[in-house]
Amino acid sequence: MAKQSLLKELVQFAMREKKWWLVPLLVILVIIGGLIVFAQSSALAPFLYPFF
C-alpha cells in the first residue's frame, strides 16, 4: 500500500507543480532498480554486470 500511495503522491506533485522532467527520471530509476533486482536473482547476472 505504501508504494502505491508514494507513486500516487509523486504523480500528483508532478501535475500540480508542472515538474514533468521528473517523469523520465523516475522511469529510468525504476528500470535500473528492476535490472539490479533481476541481476541478483538470475543466471544472467554475469552478463548484466558490465552495464553497471
N, C-alpha and C. Protein backbone atom coordinates (compact mmCIF):
# COMPACT_ATOMS: atom_id res chain seq x y z
N MET A 1 0.81 -1.20 0.00
CA MET A 1 0.00 0.00 0.00
C MET A 1 0.86 1.26 0.00
N ALA A 2 1.93 1.23 0.75
CA ALA A 2 2.77 2.42 0.87
C ALA A 2 3.38 2.79 -0.47
N LYS A 3 3.75 1.78 -1.27
CA LYS A 3 4.35 2.07 -2.58
C LYS A 3 3.34 2.74 -3.50
N GLN A 4 2.11 2.28 -3.47
CA GLN A 4 1.09 2.87 -4.32
C GLN A 4 0.81 4.31 -3.92
N SER A 5 0.77 4.58 -2.64
CA SER A 5 0.48 5.93 -2.20
C SER A 5 1.66 6.85 -2.51
N LEU A 6 2.88 6.33 -2.44
CA LEU A 6 4.05 7.13 -2.78
C LEU A 6 4.05 7.47 -4.26
N LEU A 7 3.76 6.50 -5.09
CA LEU A 7 3.70 6.74 -6.53
C LEU A 7 2.59 7.73 -6.86
N LYS A 8 1.44 7.56 -6.24
CA LYS A 8 0.33 8.47 -6.47
C LYS A 8 0.69 9.89 -6.04
N GLU A 9 1.37 9.99 -4.91
CA GLU A 9 1.78 11.31 -4.41
C GLU A 9 2.78 11.97 -5.35
N LEU A 10 3.73 11.19 -5.90
CA LEU A 10 4.70 11.74 -6.83
C LEU A 10 4.04 12.24 -8.11
N VAL A 11 3.07 11.49 -8.61
CA VAL A 11 2.35 11.90 -9.82
C VAL A 11 1.55 13.17 -9.56
N GLN A 12 0.89 13.23 -8.43
CA GLN A 12 0.13 14.43 -8.09
C GLN A 12 1.05 15.64 -7.95
N PHE A 13 2.22 15.45 -7.36
CA PHE A 13 3.17 16.54 -7.22
C PHE A 13 3.63 17.03 -8.59
N ALA A 14 3.95 16.10 -9.49
CA ALA A 14 4.41 16.48 -10.83
C ALA A 14 3.32 17.25 -11.57
N MET A 15 2.08 16.84 -11.42
CA MET A 15 0.99 17.53 -12.10
C MET A 15 0.74 18.91 -11.50
N ARG A 16 0.77 18.99 -10.19
CA ARG A 16 0.47 20.25 -9.51
C ARG A 16 1.57 21.29 -9.73
N GLU A 17 2.82 20.86 -9.65
CA GLU A 17 3.95 21.79 -9.74
C GLU A 17 4.52 21.91 -11.15
N LYS A 18 3.93 21.21 -12.11
CA LYS A 18 4.39 21.22 -13.50
C LYS A 18 5.86 20.79 -13.61
N LYS A 19 6.21 19.75 -12.89
CA LYS A 19 7.57 19.21 -12.89
C LYS A 19 7.63 17.97 -13.77
N TRP A 20 7.31 18.12 -15.04
CA TRP A 20 7.24 16.98 -15.95
C TRP A 20 8.60 16.35 -16.22
N TRP A 21 9.69 17.07 -15.94
CA TRP A 21 11.01 16.49 -16.14
C TRP A 21 11.28 15.37 -15.14
N LEU A 22 10.49 15.29 -14.08
CA LEU A 22 10.67 14.22 -13.10
C LEU A 22 10.21 12.85 -13.63
N VAL A 23 9.27 12.85 -14.55
CA VAL A 23 8.69 11.60 -15.03
C VAL A 23 9.75 10.72 -15.71
N PRO A 24 10.52 11.22 -16.68
CA PRO A 24 11.54 10.34 -17.28
C PRO A 24 12.61 9.90 -16.27
N LEU A 25 12.93 10.77 -15.34
CA LEU A 25 13.91 10.43 -14.31
C LEU A 25 13.41 9.27 -13.46
N LEU A 26 12.15 9.33 -13.06
CA LEU A 26 11.58 8.25 -12.25
C LEU A 26 11.49 6.95 -13.04
N VAL A 27 11.15 7.04 -14.31
CA VAL A 27 11.06 5.83 -15.14
C VAL A 27 12.43 5.17 -15.26
N ILE A 28 13.46 5.97 -15.48
CA ILE A 28 14.81 5.42 -15.60
C ILE A 28 15.26 4.79 -14.28
N LEU A 29 14.94 5.44 -13.16
CA LEU A 29 15.31 4.87 -11.86
C LEU A 29 14.60 3.55 -11.60
N VAL A 30 13.35 3.45 -11.99
CA VAL A 30 12.61 2.20 -11.82
C VAL A 30 13.20 1.09 -12.70
N ILE A 31 13.57 1.43 -13.92
CA ILE A 31 14.18 0.43 -14.82
C ILE A 31 15.50 -0.06 -14.27
N ILE A 32 16.34 0.86 -13.80
CA ILE A 32 17.64 0.47 -13.24
C ILE A 32 17.44 -0.38 -11.98
N GLY A 33 16.49 0.01 -11.14
CA GLY A 33 16.20 -0.78 -9.95
C GLY A 33 15.73 -2.18 -10.30
N GLY A 34 14.88 -2.28 -11.31
CA GLY A 34 14.42 -3.59 -11.76
C GLY A 34 15.55 -4.45 -12.30
N LEU A 35 16.46 -3.83 -13.05
CA LEU A 35 17.61 -4.58 -13.56
C LEU A 35 18.50 -5.09 -12.42
N ILE A 36 18.68 -4.28 -11.39
CA ILE A 36 19.50 -4.69 -10.26
C ILE A 36 18.86 -5.88 -9.54
N VAL A 37 17.57 -5.81 -9.31
CA VAL A 37 16.87 -6.91 -8.65
C VAL A 37 16.92 -8.16 -9.52
N PHE A 38 16.70 -8.01 -10.83
CA PHE A 38 16.73 -9.14 -11.75
C PHE A 38 18.13 -9.75 -11.80
N ALA A 39 19.16 -8.91 -11.78
CA ALA A 39 20.54 -9.40 -11.89
C ALA A 39 20.94 -10.21 -10.66
N GLN A 40 20.38 -9.90 -9.51
CA GLN A 40 20.77 -10.62 -8.30
C GLN A 40 20.15 -12.01 -8.24
N SER A 41 19.05 -12.21 -8.92
CA SER A 41 18.35 -13.49 -8.79
C SER A 41 18.27 -14.24 -10.11
N SER A 42 19.21 -14.02 -10.98
CA SER A 42 19.12 -14.62 -12.30
C SER A 42 20.44 -15.29 -12.68
N ALA A 43 20.34 -16.27 -13.57
CA ALA A 43 21.54 -16.89 -14.11
C ALA A 43 22.21 -15.97 -15.12
N LEU A 44 21.51 -14.93 -15.53
CA LEU A 44 22.06 -13.97 -16.49
C LEU A 44 22.87 -12.87 -15.81
N ALA A 45 23.04 -12.96 -14.50
CA ALA A 45 23.72 -11.91 -13.74
C ALA A 45 25.12 -11.57 -14.31
N PRO A 46 25.95 -12.54 -14.66
CA PRO A 46 27.27 -12.17 -15.17
C PRO A 46 27.21 -11.34 -16.46
N PHE A 47 26.15 -11.47 -17.20
CA PHE A 47 26.03 -10.72 -18.45
C PHE A 47 25.49 -9.33 -18.23
N LEU A 48 24.79 -9.11 -17.11
CA LEU A 48 24.24 -7.78 -16.82
C LEU A 48 25.21 -6.91 -16.05
N TYR A 49 26.17 -7.47 -15.34
CA TYR A 49 27.07 -6.68 -14.53
C TYR A 49 27.89 -5.66 -15.33
N PRO A 50 28.32 -5.95 -16.56
CA PRO A 50 29.09 -4.93 -17.29
C PRO A 50 28.31 -3.63 -17.54
N PHE A 51 26.99 -3.66 -17.48
CA PHE A 51 26.22 -2.45 -17.69
C PHE A 51 26.30 -1.51 -16.49
N PHE A 52 26.72 -2.02 -15.34
CA PHE A 52 26.83 -1.21 -14.14
C PHE A 52 28.28 -1.03 -13.82
